[in-house]
């Protein structure tokens, strides 16, 4: 699935509340994508805030979520995305008619209200998945 154009790849990460998993994925993709991707996140039923545990575990890795906020699917241009990643089996992500991008499904457990240990495990799972996704999407001769 290597990117063939010079335009940034538009990626949307979707979870239920846009409070945990998709926020982590957005931050990791921005960190590793270094301007070569345009990254968004949304929730099928947006919570309206990023939970403190999400911010804490990402800060532990030196990643800030200060420029991110919780939003719903209606607030993003879903039809414009090159890649949409559903973060778990319980995530509802209806794609618009004529969607030309790729839909990926990751089975990442929801850490909400499950303790800091779970948040850390999920953070690390998402980091690995994002790294592999970007390795696949971006030209192989461009180091990450």
N, C-alpha and C. Protein backbone atom coordinates (compact mmCIF):
# COMPACT_ATOMS: atom_id res chain seq x y z
N UNK A 1 0.82 -1.17 0.00
CA UNK A 1 0.00 0.00 0.00
C UNK A 1 0.88 1.25 0.00
N UNK A 2 2.03 1.21 -0.56
CA UNK A 2 2.96 2.34 -0.57
C UNK A 2 2.38 3.54 -1.29
N UNK A 3 2.58 4.71 -0.72
CA UNK A 3 2.09 5.96 -1.28
C UNK A 3 2.85 6.26 -2.57
N UNK A 4 2.11 6.66 -3.60
CA UNK A 4 2.73 6.91 -4.89
C UNK A 4 2.74 8.39 -5.26
N UNK A 5 2.13 9.25 -4.46
CA UNK A 5 2.10 10.67 -4.78
C UNK A 5 2.91 11.45 -3.76
N UNK A 6 3.16 12.72 -4.08
CA UNK A 6 3.89 13.59 -3.16
C UNK A 6 2.97 14.25 -2.14
N UNK A 7 1.65 14.15 -2.32
CA UNK A 7 0.69 14.73 -1.38
C UNK A 7 0.71 13.93 -0.09
N UNK A 8 0.47 14.61 1.04
CA UNK A 8 0.38 13.85 2.29
C UNK A 8 -0.78 12.86 2.24
N UNK A 9 -0.58 11.70 2.81
CA UNK A 9 -1.63 10.69 2.92
C UNK A 9 -2.57 11.15 4.03
N UNK A 10 -3.88 11.16 3.75
CA UNK A 10 -4.88 11.55 4.75
C UNK A 10 -5.37 10.29 5.46
N UNK A 11 -5.13 10.27 6.78
CA UNK A 11 -5.48 9.10 7.60
C UNK A 11 -6.45 9.53 8.68
N UNK A 12 -7.51 8.76 8.87
CA UNK A 12 -8.47 8.99 9.95
C UNK A 12 -8.50 7.76 10.84
N UNK A 13 -8.30 7.96 12.13
CA UNK A 13 -8.41 6.89 13.12
C UNK A 13 -9.75 7.08 13.84
N UNK A 14 -10.54 6.00 13.94
CA UNK A 14 -11.87 6.08 14.53
C UNK A 14 -11.99 5.09 15.67
N UNK A 15 -12.44 5.58 16.83
CA UNK A 15 -12.81 4.70 17.93
C UNK A 15 -14.20 5.13 18.40
N UNK A 16 -14.65 4.67 19.54
CA UNK A 16 -16.00 4.99 19.98
C UNK A 16 -16.09 6.43 20.48
N UNK A 17 -15.27 6.80 21.48
CA UNK A 17 -15.42 8.10 22.11
C UNK A 17 -14.46 9.17 21.65
N UNK A 18 -13.46 8.83 20.86
CA UNK A 18 -12.39 9.74 20.47
C UNK A 18 -11.79 10.38 21.72
N UNK A 19 -11.60 9.52 22.73
CA UNK A 19 -11.08 9.96 24.01
C UNK A 19 -9.81 9.19 24.39
N UNK A 20 -9.55 8.06 23.74
CA UNK A 20 -8.42 7.21 24.11
C UNK A 20 -7.65 6.73 22.87
N UNK A 21 -8.10 5.62 22.27
CA UNK A 21 -7.34 4.94 21.21
C UNK A 21 -7.06 5.80 19.99
N UNK A 22 -8.10 6.39 19.42
CA UNK A 22 -7.88 7.16 18.19
C UNK A 22 -7.05 8.40 18.44
N UNK A 23 -7.13 8.95 19.65
CA UNK A 23 -6.29 10.10 20.00
C UNK A 23 -4.82 9.68 20.06
N UNK A 24 -4.55 8.52 20.65
CA UNK A 24 -3.18 8.01 20.70
C UNK A 24 -2.65 7.77 19.29
N UNK A 25 -3.49 7.15 18.45
CA UNK A 25 -3.07 6.86 17.08
C UNK A 25 -2.78 8.14 16.30
N UNK A 26 -3.62 9.15 16.47
CA UNK A 26 -3.39 10.43 15.79
C UNK A 26 -2.04 11.02 16.21
N UNK A 27 -1.77 10.98 17.51
CA UNK A 27 -0.51 11.55 18.01
C UNK A 27 0.70 10.76 17.51
N UNK A 28 0.62 9.43 17.53
CA UNK A 28 1.74 8.61 17.04
C UNK A 28 1.96 8.84 15.55
N UNK A 29 0.88 8.92 14.77
CA UNK A 29 1.03 9.12 13.32
C UNK A 29 1.64 10.48 13.02
N UNK A 30 1.25 11.51 13.76
CA UNK A 30 1.87 12.82 13.57
C UNK A 30 3.34 12.78 13.95
N UNK A 31 3.66 12.08 15.03
CA UNK A 31 5.05 11.96 15.50
C UNK A 31 5.92 11.25 14.47
N UNK A 32 5.48 10.09 14.02
CA UNK A 32 6.29 9.30 13.08
C UNK A 32 6.15 9.77 11.64
N UNK A 33 5.03 10.36 11.28
CA UNK A 33 4.80 10.80 9.91
C UNK A 33 5.53 12.07 9.54
N UNK A 34 5.92 12.85 10.53
CA UNK A 34 6.74 14.05 10.34
C UNK A 34 6.32 14.89 9.14
N UNK A 35 5.03 15.23 9.06
CA UNK A 35 4.55 16.09 8.00
C UNK A 35 4.23 15.39 6.69
N UNK A 36 4.48 14.10 6.58
CA UNK A 36 4.19 13.36 5.34
C UNK A 36 2.80 12.76 5.34
N UNK A 37 2.10 12.94 6.46
CA UNK A 37 0.73 12.48 6.56
C UNK A 37 -0.12 13.62 7.13
N UNK A 38 -1.40 13.57 6.79
CA UNK A 38 -2.37 14.50 7.36
C UNK A 38 -3.28 13.60 8.20
N UNK A 39 -3.24 13.79 9.52
CA UNK A 39 -3.86 12.82 10.42
C UNK A 39 -5.04 13.43 11.16
N UNK A 40 -6.09 12.62 11.29
CA UNK A 40 -7.31 13.02 11.99
C UNK A 40 -7.75 11.87 12.88
N UNK A 41 -8.59 12.19 13.85
CA UNK A 41 -9.23 11.16 14.65
C UNK A 41 -10.66 11.61 14.94
N UNK A 42 -11.51 10.62 15.20
CA UNK A 42 -12.92 10.91 15.49
C UNK A 42 -13.51 9.73 16.24
N UNK A 43 -14.69 9.97 16.82
CA UNK A 43 -15.40 8.92 17.52
C UNK A 43 -16.77 8.69 16.92
N UNK A 44 -17.20 7.44 16.91
CA UNK A 44 -18.55 7.14 16.43
C UNK A 44 -19.59 7.70 17.39
N UNK A 45 -19.23 7.84 18.66
CA UNK A 45 -20.07 8.46 19.69
C UNK A 45 -19.14 9.29 20.56
N UNK A 46 -18.73 10.44 20.03
CA UNK A 46 -17.69 11.26 20.68
C UNK A 46 -18.00 11.57 22.14
N UNK A 47 -17.01 11.37 22.98
CA UNK A 47 -17.09 11.62 24.42
C UNK A 47 -17.06 13.12 24.72
N UNK A 48 -16.36 13.88 23.88
CA UNK A 48 -16.29 15.32 24.07
C UNK A 48 -15.04 15.81 24.77
N UNK A 49 -14.20 14.87 25.21
CA UNK A 49 -12.95 15.22 25.89
C UNK A 49 -11.99 14.05 25.77
N UNK A 50 -10.71 14.35 25.85
CA UNK A 50 -9.69 13.31 25.91
C UNK A 50 -9.50 12.98 27.39
N UNK A 51 -9.59 11.71 27.76
CA UNK A 51 -9.47 11.35 29.17
C UNK A 51 -8.04 11.55 29.66
N UNK A 52 -7.92 11.88 30.94
CA UNK A 52 -6.62 12.20 31.54
C UNK A 52 -5.60 11.09 31.36
N UNK A 53 -6.04 9.84 31.49
CA UNK A 53 -5.11 8.71 31.37
C UNK A 53 -4.46 8.66 29.98
N UNK A 54 -5.21 9.03 28.96
CA UNK A 54 -4.66 9.06 27.60
C UNK A 54 -3.52 10.06 27.52
N UNK A 55 -3.77 11.26 28.03
CA UNK A 55 -2.74 12.30 28.02
C UNK A 55 -1.52 11.88 28.83
N UNK A 56 -1.76 11.27 29.98
CA UNK A 56 -0.67 10.86 30.88
C UNK A 56 0.24 9.83 30.22
N UNK A 57 -0.35 8.76 29.64
CA UNK A 57 0.50 7.70 29.08
C UNK A 57 1.24 8.18 27.84
N UNK A 58 0.66 9.10 27.09
CA UNK A 58 1.37 9.64 25.92
C UNK A 58 2.49 10.58 26.38
N UNK A 59 2.25 11.36 27.41
CA UNK A 59 3.30 12.24 27.96
C UNK A 59 4.48 11.41 28.45
N UNK A 60 4.21 10.22 28.99
CA UNK A 60 5.29 9.34 29.44
C UNK A 60 6.26 9.01 28.30
N UNK A 61 5.78 9.07 27.06
CA UNK A 61 6.61 8.80 25.89
C UNK A 61 7.07 10.09 25.20
N UNK A 62 6.79 11.23 25.84
CA UNK A 62 7.22 12.51 25.28
C UNK A 62 6.31 13.05 24.20
N UNK A 63 5.08 12.56 24.13
CA UNK A 63 4.13 12.98 23.11
C UNK A 63 3.02 13.79 23.78
N UNK A 64 2.79 15.00 23.27
CA UNK A 64 1.75 15.88 23.80
C UNK A 64 0.48 15.78 22.96
N UNK A 65 -0.66 15.84 23.63
CA UNK A 65 -1.95 15.86 22.95
C UNK A 65 -2.59 17.25 23.04
N UNK A 66 -1.79 18.25 23.39
CA UNK A 66 -2.31 19.59 23.62
C UNK A 66 -3.05 20.18 22.42
N UNK A 67 -2.71 19.80 21.22
CA UNK A 67 -3.36 20.37 20.02
C UNK A 67 -4.48 19.49 19.49
N UNK A 68 -4.86 18.47 20.22
CA UNK A 68 -5.92 17.55 19.79
C UNK A 68 -7.16 17.76 20.66
N UNK A 69 -8.34 17.39 20.12
CA UNK A 69 -9.58 17.49 20.87
C UNK A 69 -10.52 16.37 20.39
N UNK A 70 -11.47 16.03 21.22
CA UNK A 70 -12.42 14.98 20.92
C UNK A 70 -13.49 15.50 19.95
N UNK A 71 -13.76 14.72 18.90
CA UNK A 71 -14.75 15.12 17.91
C UNK A 71 -15.45 13.89 17.34
N UNK A 72 -16.60 14.13 16.72
CA UNK A 72 -17.37 13.06 16.11
C UNK A 72 -17.09 12.93 14.62
N UNK A 73 -17.61 11.87 14.03
CA UNK A 73 -17.39 11.60 12.61
C UNK A 73 -17.93 12.72 11.71
N UNK A 74 -18.99 13.38 12.15
CA UNK A 74 -19.58 14.46 11.34
C UNK A 74 -18.64 15.66 11.23
N UNK A 75 -17.63 15.73 12.08
CA UNK A 75 -16.71 16.86 12.10
C UNK A 75 -15.46 16.66 11.25
N UNK A 76 -15.37 15.52 10.57
CA UNK A 76 -14.22 15.27 9.69
C UNK A 76 -14.72 14.96 8.28
N UNK A 77 -13.88 15.24 7.30
CA UNK A 77 -14.22 15.01 5.90
C UNK A 77 -13.92 13.56 5.53
N UNK A 78 -14.78 12.68 5.97
CA UNK A 78 -14.58 11.24 5.80
C UNK A 78 -14.34 10.85 4.34
N UNK A 79 -15.06 11.45 3.43
CA UNK A 79 -14.94 11.10 2.01
C UNK A 79 -13.58 11.46 1.43
N UNK A 80 -12.86 12.37 2.07
CA UNK A 80 -11.55 12.82 1.57
C UNK A 80 -10.38 11.96 2.05
N UNK A 81 -10.64 11.02 2.93
CA UNK A 81 -9.56 10.24 3.53
C UNK A 81 -9.03 9.18 2.57
N UNK A 82 -7.71 8.99 2.62
CA UNK A 82 -7.07 7.92 1.87
C UNK A 82 -7.17 6.60 2.62
N UNK A 83 -7.06 6.69 3.95
CA UNK A 83 -7.11 5.51 4.81
C UNK A 83 -7.96 5.84 6.03
N UNK A 84 -8.89 4.94 6.35
CA UNK A 84 -9.69 5.05 7.57
C UNK A 84 -9.38 3.80 8.38
N UNK A 85 -8.99 4.00 9.64
CA UNK A 85 -8.65 2.88 10.52
C UNK A 85 -9.67 2.81 11.64
N UNK A 86 -10.42 1.71 11.69
CA UNK A 86 -11.34 1.45 12.78
C UNK A 86 -10.53 0.77 13.88
N UNK A 87 -10.54 1.35 15.08
CA UNK A 87 -9.65 0.91 16.14
C UNK A 87 -10.12 -0.36 16.87
N UNK A 88 -11.38 -0.77 16.70
CA UNK A 88 -11.87 -1.96 17.38
C UNK A 88 -13.14 -2.47 16.75
N UNK A 89 -13.50 -3.70 17.09
CA UNK A 89 -14.67 -4.35 16.50
C UNK A 89 -15.97 -3.63 16.85
N UNK A 90 -16.02 -2.96 18.00
CA UNK A 90 -17.25 -2.30 18.44
C UNK A 90 -17.43 -0.91 17.84
N UNK A 91 -16.51 -0.46 17.03
CA UNK A 91 -16.54 0.87 16.45
C UNK A 91 -17.46 0.90 15.23
N UNK A 92 -18.38 1.86 15.21
CA UNK A 92 -19.26 2.06 14.05
C UNK A 92 -18.62 3.13 13.17
N UNK A 93 -18.38 2.80 11.92
CA UNK A 93 -17.75 3.75 11.02
C UNK A 93 -18.36 3.63 9.63
N UNK A 94 -19.58 4.17 9.47
CA UNK A 94 -20.21 4.10 8.15
C UNK A 94 -19.47 4.97 7.14
N UNK A 95 -19.10 4.39 6.04
CA UNK A 95 -18.37 5.12 5.00
C UNK A 95 -19.35 5.71 4.00
N UNK A 96 -19.06 6.89 3.49
CA UNK A 96 -19.97 7.51 2.52
C UNK A 96 -19.97 6.75 1.19
N UNK A 97 -21.07 6.86 0.47
CA UNK A 97 -21.16 6.24 -0.85
C UNK A 97 -20.04 6.77 -1.73
N UNK A 98 -19.41 5.90 -2.47
CA UNK A 98 -18.34 6.30 -3.36
C UNK A 98 -16.99 6.49 -2.68
N UNK A 99 -16.87 6.08 -1.42
CA UNK A 99 -15.60 6.21 -0.70
C UNK A 99 -14.52 5.48 -1.49
N UNK A 100 -13.42 6.17 -1.79
CA UNK A 100 -12.37 5.60 -2.63
C UNK A 100 -11.13 5.19 -1.84
N UNK A 101 -11.13 5.48 -0.54
CA UNK A 101 -9.99 5.14 0.28
C UNK A 101 -10.01 3.69 0.71
N UNK A 102 -9.17 3.39 1.66
CA UNK A 102 -9.07 2.03 2.18
C UNK A 102 -9.53 2.02 3.63
N UNK A 103 -10.33 1.03 4.00
CA UNK A 103 -10.76 0.84 5.37
C UNK A 103 -9.96 -0.30 5.98
N UNK A 104 -9.31 0.00 7.11
CA UNK A 104 -8.55 -1.02 7.85
C UNK A 104 -9.22 -1.23 9.20
N UNK A 105 -9.20 -2.45 9.69
CA UNK A 105 -9.74 -2.75 11.01
C UNK A 105 -8.65 -3.27 11.92
N UNK A 106 -8.44 -2.54 13.02
CA UNK A 106 -7.49 -3.00 14.04
C UNK A 106 -8.31 -3.42 15.25
N UNK A 107 -7.95 -4.52 15.85
CA UNK A 107 -8.67 -4.99 17.03
C UNK A 107 -7.91 -4.56 18.29
N UNK A 108 -7.98 -3.27 18.58
CA UNK A 108 -7.30 -2.70 19.74
C UNK A 108 -8.33 -2.58 20.88
N UNK A 109 -8.08 -3.17 22.04
CA UNK A 109 -9.05 -3.08 23.13
C UNK A 109 -9.21 -1.65 23.64
N UNK A 110 -10.41 -1.32 24.07
CA UNK A 110 -10.70 0.00 24.63
C UNK A 110 -10.19 0.05 26.07
N UNK A 111 -9.25 0.97 26.38
CA UNK A 111 -8.71 1.03 27.73
C UNK A 111 -9.57 1.84 28.72
N UNK A 112 -10.62 2.48 28.22
CA UNK A 112 -11.43 3.38 29.05
C UNK A 112 -11.85 2.70 30.37
N UNK A 113 -11.52 3.35 31.48
CA UNK A 113 -11.87 2.90 32.83
C UNK A 113 -11.28 1.54 33.20
N UNK A 114 -10.14 1.18 32.59
CA UNK A 114 -9.52 -0.13 32.86
C UNK A 114 -8.16 -0.01 33.54
N UNK A 115 -7.78 1.17 33.97
CA UNK A 115 -6.53 1.33 34.72
C UNK A 115 -5.34 1.70 33.85
N UNK A 116 -4.33 2.24 34.52
CA UNK A 116 -3.14 2.75 33.83
C UNK A 116 -2.35 1.65 33.14
N UNK A 117 -2.31 0.45 33.72
CA UNK A 117 -1.59 -0.65 33.07
C UNK A 117 -2.18 -0.96 31.71
N UNK A 118 -3.49 -0.99 31.62
CA UNK A 118 -4.16 -1.24 30.34
C UNK A 118 -3.90 -0.09 29.37
N UNK A 119 -3.96 1.14 29.86
CA UNK A 119 -3.68 2.29 28.99
C UNK A 119 -2.27 2.19 28.40
N UNK A 120 -1.30 1.80 29.22
CA UNK A 120 0.08 1.68 28.72
C UNK A 120 0.20 0.57 27.67
N UNK A 121 -0.44 -0.58 27.91
CA UNK A 121 -0.40 -1.68 26.94
C UNK A 121 -1.04 -1.26 25.62
N UNK A 122 -2.18 -0.59 25.71
CA UNK A 122 -2.88 -0.14 24.50
C UNK A 122 -2.04 0.90 23.77
N UNK A 123 -1.45 1.83 24.51
CA UNK A 123 -0.57 2.85 23.90
C UNK A 123 0.54 2.19 23.10
N UNK A 124 1.18 1.17 23.68
CA UNK A 124 2.29 0.50 23.01
C UNK A 124 1.82 -0.31 21.80
N UNK A 125 0.64 -0.94 21.90
CA UNK A 125 0.07 -1.66 20.76
C UNK A 125 -0.19 -0.69 19.61
N UNK A 126 -0.77 0.46 19.94
CA UNK A 126 -1.10 1.45 18.91
C UNK A 126 0.16 2.01 18.28
N UNK A 127 1.17 2.27 19.08
CA UNK A 127 2.43 2.77 18.53
C UNK A 127 2.97 1.80 17.47
N UNK A 128 2.98 0.52 17.79
CA UNK A 128 3.49 -0.48 16.86
C UNK A 128 2.64 -0.54 15.59
N UNK A 129 1.32 -0.54 15.74
CA UNK A 129 0.43 -0.60 14.58
C UNK A 129 0.61 0.62 13.69
N UNK A 130 0.71 1.81 14.29
CA UNK A 130 0.89 3.04 13.52
C UNK A 130 2.22 3.01 12.79
N UNK A 131 3.26 2.56 13.47
CA UNK A 131 4.58 2.50 12.85
C UNK A 131 4.54 1.61 11.61
N UNK A 132 3.90 0.44 11.73
CA UNK A 132 3.81 -0.48 10.59
C UNK A 132 2.96 0.12 9.48
N UNK A 133 1.87 0.78 9.83
CA UNK A 133 1.01 1.41 8.82
C UNK A 133 1.80 2.45 8.03
N UNK A 134 2.50 3.32 8.75
CA UNK A 134 3.26 4.37 8.07
C UNK A 134 4.42 3.80 7.26
N UNK A 135 5.03 2.75 7.76
CA UNK A 135 6.10 2.10 7.00
C UNK A 135 5.57 1.58 5.67
N UNK A 136 4.34 1.10 5.69
CA UNK A 136 3.71 0.57 4.49
C UNK A 136 3.24 1.69 3.55
N UNK A 137 2.71 2.77 4.12
CA UNK A 137 2.14 3.85 3.31
C UNK A 137 3.18 4.77 2.67
N UNK A 138 4.24 5.03 3.39
CA UNK A 138 5.22 6.01 2.92
C UNK A 138 6.32 5.33 2.12
N UNK A 139 6.89 6.08 1.21
CA UNK A 139 7.93 5.53 0.35
C UNK A 139 9.02 4.85 1.17
N UNK A 140 9.45 3.66 0.78
CA UNK A 140 10.43 2.91 1.57
C UNK A 140 11.80 3.58 1.65
N UNK A 141 12.10 4.48 0.75
CA UNK A 141 13.42 5.12 0.79
C UNK A 141 13.43 6.36 1.66
N UNK A 142 12.30 6.67 2.30
CA UNK A 142 12.23 7.82 3.20
C UNK A 142 12.28 7.30 4.63
N UNK A 143 13.36 7.57 5.36
CA UNK A 143 13.47 7.04 6.72
C UNK A 143 12.43 7.67 7.64
N UNK A 144 11.96 6.87 8.59
CA UNK A 144 11.01 7.37 9.60
C UNK A 144 11.75 7.67 10.87
